[in-house]
């Protein structure tokens, strides 16, 4: 079982010819709406790859909240711990240019009201993989890590965004996932001298007990696990929108581990899924199903 604790938004995605500069107005024919937020994204990616998935988070009591809940329910995610609170559902404004690059602003809304108390200890055990990100209050993330480890569950933290978090919490992780920027930020916070991904892997695994994964965009992914270094390539694709690709990677990687795949096999599968997510506009709409991932692995494209 995968238990995702984290953020959930309504994403408003605008496709633009180019990203605006300061003071510039850029017109576009329209926009799309879809469920987003790193927590919900990772839960959707995991369940589409076949994993039994539970999501803990908060929605506002507004129209966006009802729309988001219905969409997550349709995916088959266990929403028993998805609360509705007075206030507004988190909202993300996503601008995507013709090259697939993006700029994102998020109003946290109900995500700021998520608490570790919503994650029941009865749902945590040795068979649970708890997946976390950094878009809800850090104090609650730290509390969930402690609660999960006490119950014997494995814990994966995607340090996105790379906000400060207690070293004691980091030392309890089983798996830490970061991109290049986040790895650089964490190394600076921990006063570790490391510039390249290989140096960052060595420095972080030397400081922490966790396996560490660094995603590299089109260059794929590198990781250090139980003393071994692994690499997995990305697919050779023309990106349309990179929004949510990292979340897709995390969700599918977690699903692979939950299904009993080896670390390196789960890593390779997740790299393929993250690549596929760059070929469709939006986050949730871009996440592939298990069959699509299997097809891409078999064909190499």
Protein backbone atom coordinates (compact mmCIF):
# COMPACT_ATOMS: atom_id res chain seq x y z
CA UNK A 1 0.00 0.00 0.00
CA UNK A 2 1.20 3.51 -0.85
CA UNK A 3 0.13 6.25 1.54
CA UNK A 4 0.61 9.74 0.10
CA UNK A 5 0.50 12.67 2.52
CA UNK A 6 0.59 16.10 0.95
CA UNK A 7 -0.79 18.81 -1.24
CA UNK A 8 -3.70 18.92 -3.65
CA UNK A 9 -4.60 21.82 -5.94
CA UNK A 10 -6.74 22.78 -8.84
CA UNK A 11 -4.33 23.54 -11.69
CA UNK A 12 -5.15 26.22 -14.25
CA UNK A 13 -2.75 25.71 -17.17
CA UNK A 14 -2.17 28.43 -19.79
CA UNK A 15 -0.40 27.50 -23.04
CA UNK A 16 1.62 30.50 -24.24
CA UNK A 17 3.80 31.22 -27.24
CA UNK A 18 6.43 32.53 -24.81
CA UNK A 19 6.62 33.14 -21.08
CA UNK A 20 5.96 36.80 -20.19
CA UNK A 21 8.68 39.12 -18.96
CA UNK A 22 8.04 41.50 -16.06
CA UNK A 23 5.22 43.87 -16.96
CA UNK A 24 4.30 42.03 -20.17
CA UNK A 25 0.82 40.69 -20.98
CA UNK A 26 0.67 37.57 -23.15
CA UNK A 27 -2.64 36.48 -24.69
CA UNK A 28 -3.66 32.85 -25.24
CA UNK A 29 -6.86 31.28 -26.63
CA UNK A 30 -7.71 29.49 -23.40
CA UNK A 31 -6.64 27.32 -20.50
CA UNK A 32 -7.25 23.86 -19.07
CA UNK A 33 -8.28 22.74 -15.59
CA UNK A 34 -7.05 19.59 -13.87
CA UNK A 35 -6.21 18.23 -10.44
CA UNK A 36 -2.68 19.09 -9.32
CA UNK A 37 -0.48 19.57 -6.29
CA UNK A 38 2.54 17.37 -5.76
CA UNK A 39 0.79 15.06 -3.34
CA UNK A 40 -2.24 14.42 -5.52
CA UNK A 41 -0.06 14.16 -8.62
CA UNK A 42 2.09 11.45 -7.06
CA UNK A 43 -0.98 9.56 -5.84
CA UNK A 44 -2.51 9.65 -9.33
CA UNK A 45 0.73 8.49 -10.98
CA UNK A 46 1.00 5.61 -8.51
CA UNK A 47 -2.59 4.42 -8.86
CA UNK A 48 -2.42 4.59 -12.67
CA UNK A 49 0.56 2.27 -12.49
CA UNK A 50 -1.55 -0.20 -10.54
CA UNK A 51 -0.67 0.54 -6.90
CA UNK A 52 -3.27 0.54 -4.13
CA UNK A 53 -3.00 4.17 -3.03
CA UNK A 54 -4.35 6.23 -0.14
CA UNK A 55 -4.21 10.03 -0.06
CA UNK A 56 -4.22 12.30 2.99
CA UNK A 57 -4.72 16.03 2.46
CA UNK A 58 -7.15 18.96 2.69
CA UNK A 59 -9.61 20.58 0.29
CA UNK A 60 -11.59 23.77 0.74
CA UNK A 61 -15.38 23.79 0.88
CA UNK A 62 -15.62 25.52 -2.49
CA UNK A 63 -16.53 24.44 -6.02
CA UNK A 64 -12.91 23.58 -6.83
CA UNK A 65 -12.80 21.27 -3.80
CA UNK A 66 -15.84 19.30 -4.95
CA UNK A 67 -14.41 19.07 -8.47
CA UNK A 68 -11.04 17.83 -7.22
CA UNK A 69 -12.57 15.22 -4.91
CA UNK A 70 -14.68 13.80 -7.71
CA UNK A 71 -11.67 13.56 -10.02
CA UNK A 72 -9.51 11.78 -7.43
CA UNK A 73 -12.34 9.40 -6.58
CA UNK A 74 -12.69 8.53 -10.26
CA UNK A 75 -9.02 7.49 -10.28
CA UNK A 76 -9.70 4.87 -7.60
CA UNK A 77 -7.66 6.52 -4.83
CA UNK A 78 -8.67 5.86 -1.20
CA UNK A 79 -9.88 9.29 0.02
CA UNK A 80 -10.97 8.37 3.55
CA UNK A 81 -8.35 10.80 4.93
CA UNK A 82 -8.98 13.64 2.46
CA UNK A 83 -10.60 16.31 4.61
CA UNK A 84 -12.79 19.23 3.56
CA UNK A 85 -12.24 22.38 5.62
CA UNK A 86 -13.72 25.87 5.63
CA UNK A 87 -11.86 27.99 3.11
CA UNK A 88 -10.43 27.80 -0.37
CA UNK A 89 -8.92 24.85 -2.20
CA UNK A 90 -5.30 25.44 -3.22
CA UNK A 91 -4.97 26.90 -6.69
CA UNK A 92 -2.02 26.80 -9.10
CA UNK A 93 -1.54 29.05 -12.12
CA UNK A 94 0.76 27.31 -14.63
CA UNK A 95 2.22 29.04 -17.69
CA UNK A 96 3.74 26.78 -20.35
CA UNK A 97 5.62 28.00 -23.44
CA UNK A 98 6.00 26.31 -26.82
CA UNK A 99 9.22 24.62 -25.71
CA UNK A 100 7.55 22.99 -22.70
CA UNK A 101 9.16 25.24 -20.09
CA UNK A 102 6.91 26.54 -17.34
CA UNK A 103 6.39 29.07 -14.56
CA UNK A 104 4.09 28.22 -11.65
CA UNK A 105 2.47 30.22 -8.84
CA UNK A 106 0.55 28.42 -6.09
CA UNK A 107 -1.91 29.78 -3.53
CA UNK A 108 -1.66 27.22 -0.72
CA UNK A 109 -5.23 27.54 0.54
CA UNK A 110 -6.38 24.42 2.39
CA UNK A 111 -2.96 22.76 1.97
CA UNK A 112 -1.80 24.90 4.90
CA UNK A 113 -4.34 23.14 7.13
CA UNK A 114 -3.15 19.55 6.66
CA UNK A 115 -2.10 17.88 9.93
CA UNK A 116 -0.27 14.68 10.77
CA UNK A 117 -3.22 13.67 12.97
CA UNK A 118 -5.17 12.91 9.79
CA UNK A 119 -2.82 10.00 9.10
CA UNK A 120 -4.10 7.21 11.30
CA UNK A 121 -1.45 4.90 12.84
CA UNK A 122 -3.78 1.97 12.09
CA UNK A 123 -3.11 2.49 8.36
CA UNK A 124 0.68 2.28 8.77
CA UNK A 125 2.71 -0.94 8.94
CA UNK A 126 5.71 -2.71 7.42
CA UNK A 127 3.87 -3.05 4.09
CA UNK A 128 3.23 0.69 3.78
CA UNK A 129 5.34 3.09 1.72
CA UNK A 130 4.64 6.65 2.88
CA UNK A 131 5.26 9.29 0.20
CA UNK A 132 5.76 12.95 1.16
CA UNK A 133 6.55 16.28 -0.52
CA UNK A 134 7.13 19.83 0.76
CA UNK A 135 3.97 21.76 -0.17
CA UNK A 136 2.28 21.35 3.24
CA UNK A 137 3.55 22.59 6.63
CA UNK A 138 7.04 21.24 7.34
CA UNK A 139 6.24 20.56 11.00
CA UNK A 140 3.49 18.17 9.88
CA UNK A 141 5.83 16.44 7.43
CA UNK A 142 8.37 15.91 10.22
CA UNK A 143 5.61 14.50 12.46
CA UNK A 144 4.45 12.08 9.74
CA UNK A 145 8.01 10.84 9.20
CA UNK A 146 8.33 10.07 12.91
CA UNK A 147 4.90 8.41 13.05
CA UNK A 148 5.58 6.28 9.98
CA UNK A 149 8.97 5.08 11.18
CA UNK A 150 7.54 4.19 14.58
CA UNK A 151 4.99 1.99 12.78
CA UNK A 152 7.70 0.29 10.71
CA UNK A 153 6.66 1.85 7.40
CA UNK A 154 9.12 2.93 4.71
CA UNK A 155 9.29 6.66 3.99
CA UNK A 156 10.05 8.46 0.73
CA UNK A 157 10.44 12.24 0.76
CA UNK A 158 10.45 14.28 -2.43
CA UNK A 159 12.18 17.46 -1.23
CA UNK A 160 10.23 19.73 -3.55
CA UNK A 161 10.36 22.60 -3.00
CA UNK A 162 13.68 22.43 -1.13
CA UNK A 163 12.55 24.09 2.09
CA UNK A 164 14.52 23.65 5.33
CA UNK A 165 13.65 20.49 7.26
CA UNK A 166 15.16 19.10 10.45
CA UNK A 167 18.23 16.92 9.93
CA UNK A 168 16.71 14.46 12.39
CA UNK A 169 13.76 13.95 10.05
CA UNK A 170 16.05 13.54 7.03
CA UNK A 171 18.03 10.88 8.87
CA UNK A 172 14.86 8.79 9.32
CA UNK A 173 14.10 8.61 5.59
CA UNK A 174 14.45 5.47 3.53
CA UNK A 175 14.48 7.32 0.19
CA UNK A 176 15.14 10.96 -0.69
CA UNK A 177 14.24 12.25 -4.18
CA UNK A 178 15.44 15.63 -5.48
CA UNK A 179 16.15 17.38 -8.75
CA UNK A 180 19.49 19.07 -9.46
CA UNK A 181 18.45 22.44 -8.04
CA UNK A 182 16.96 20.89 -4.90
CA UNK A 183 20.06 18.74 -4.37
CA UNK A 184 22.24 21.85 -4.58
CA UNK A 185 20.02 23.71 -2.13
CA UNK A 186 20.01 20.86 0.40
CA UNK A 187 23.78 20.42 0.18
CA UNK A 188 24.19 24.14 0.88
CA UNK A 189 21.79 23.92 3.85
CA UNK A 190 23.77 20.98 5.27
CA UNK A 191 27.09 22.74 4.50
CA UNK A 192 28.19 19.93 2.20
CA UNK A 193 30.71 20.83 -0.51
CA UNK A 194 29.20 19.19 -3.60
CA UNK A 195 28.68 20.70 -7.05
CA UNK A 196 27.98 17.85 -9.49
CA UNK A 197 25.20 15.24 -9.15
CA UNK A 198 27.79 12.54 -8.42
CA UNK A 199 29.33 14.67 -5.67
CA UNK A 200 25.87 15.46 -4.28
CA UNK A 201 24.96 11.77 -4.18
CA UNK A 202 28.16 10.94 -2.32
CA UNK A 203 27.77 13.85 0.11
CA UNK A 204 24.09 13.25 0.88
CA UNK A 205 24.34 9.48 1.29
CA UNK A 206 27.36 10.05 3.52
CA UNK A 207 25.34 12.41 5.71
CA UNK A 208 22.05 10.48 5.70
CA UNK A 209 21.07 6.83 5.99
CA UNK A 210 18.70 7.12 3.02
CA UNK A 211 18.96 6.06 -0.58
CA UNK A 212 19.21 9.25 -2.67
CA UNK A 213 17.81 9.86 -6.16
CA UNK A 214 18.60 12.95 -8.25
CA UNK A 215 16.48 13.57 -11.34
CA UNK A 216 18.29 15.27 -14.24
CA UNK A 217 15.53 16.10 -16.72
CA UNK A 218 16.41 15.00 -20.24
CA UNK A 219 19.61 13.39 -18.89
CA UNK A 220 17.59 10.87 -16.89
CA UNK A 221 18.29 10.05 -13.26
CA UNK A 222 21.16 9.02 -11.00
CA UNK A 223 20.87 7.33 -7.62
CA UNK A 224 22.84 5.81 -4.77
CA UNK A 225 21.33 2.81 -2.99
CA UNK A 226 22.99 0.44 -0.52
CA UNK A 227 26.45 1.48 -1.63
CA UNK A 228 25.76 1.12 -5.36
CA UNK A 229 25.33 3.88 -7.95
CA UNK A 230 22.58 3.55 -10.55
CA UNK A 231 21.65 5.48 -13.68
CA UNK A 232 18.49 5.40 -15.77
CA UNK A 233 18.06 7.28 -19.05
CA UNK A 234 15.09 9.38 -20.05
CA UNK A 235 13.28 8.61 -23.29
CA UNK A 236 14.27 10.64 -26.34
CA UNK A 237 11.11 12.75 -26.66
CA UNK A 238 10.15 16.25 -27.75
CA UNK A 239 8.76 17.87 -24.59
CA UNK A 240 5.39 19.59 -24.80
CA UNK A 241 4.98 20.40 -21.10
CA UNK A 242 7.30 19.33 -18.28
CA UNK A 243 4.76 20.19 -15.55
CA UNK A 244 4.35 17.24 -13.18
CA UNK A 245 7.05 15.07 -14.76
CA UNK A 246 8.94 14.85 -11.47
CA UNK A 247 5.75 13.93 -9.64
CA UNK A 248 5.02 11.22 -12.19
CA UNK A 249 8.53 9.86 -11.64
CA UNK A 250 8.02 9.71 -7.86
CA UNK A 251 4.58 8.09 -8.06
CA UNK A 252 5.63 5.41 -10.53
CA UNK A 253 8.87 4.74 -8.65
CA UNK A 254 6.85 4.21 -5.46
CA UNK A 255 4.42 1.97 -7.33
CA UNK A 256 7.32 -0.10 -8.63
CA UNK A 257 8.73 -0.64 -5.17
CA UNK A 258 5.26 -1.45 -3.83
CA UNK A 259 4.89 -4.07 -6.58
CA UNK A 260 8.14 -5.73 -5.53
CA UNK A 261 10.48 -4.42 -8.25
CA UNK A 262 14.15 -4.03 -7.42
CA UNK A 263 15.42 -0.51 -6.78
CA UNK A 264 17.07 -0.21 -10.20
CA UNK A 265 14.09 -1.69 -12.07
CA UNK A 266 11.72 0.74 -10.32
CA UNK A 267 14.14 3.57 -11.15
CA UNK A 268 14.20 2.72 -14.85
CA UNK A 269 10.43 2.33 -15.03
CA UNK A 270 9.90 5.68 -13.33
CA UNK A 271 12.33 7.41 -15.72
CA UNK A 272 10.28 6.16 -18.67
CA UNK A 273 7.02 7.30 -17.07
CA UNK A 274 8.44 10.75 -16.28
CA UNK A 275 9.49 11.11 -19.92
CA UNK A 276 6.03 10.17 -21.15
CA UNK A 277 4.52 12.81 -18.86
CA UNK A 278 6.37 15.50 -20.84
CA UNK A 279 4.51 14.67 -24.05
CA UNK A 280 1.04 15.89 -22.96
CA UNK A 281 -0.04 19.31 -21.66
CA UNK A 282 -0.86 19.44 -17.95
CA UNK A 283 0.14 17.29 -14.98
CA UNK A 284 -2.69 14.86 -14.23
CA UNK A 285 -3.72 14.50 -17.93
CA UNK A 286 -0.14 13.53 -18.84
CA UNK A 287 0.41 10.67 -16.38
CA UNK A 288 0.57 7.33 -18.22
CA UNK A 289 -1.24 4.14 -17.32
CA UNK A 290 0.57 0.90 -16.57
CA UNK A 291 -0.11 -0.40 -20.09
CA UNK A 292 1.35 2.73 -21.69
CA UNK A 293 4.49 2.48 -19.55
CA UNK A 294 4.88 -1.21 -20.38
CA UNK A 295 4.47 -0.41 -24.08
CA UNK A 296 7.10 2.34 -23.96
CA UNK A 297 9.57 0.07 -22.12
CA UNK A 298 9.05 -2.71 -24.65
CA UNK A 299 9.45 -0.43 -27.66
CA UNK A 300 12.02 1.95 -26.22
CA UNK A 301 9.81 4.92 -27.05
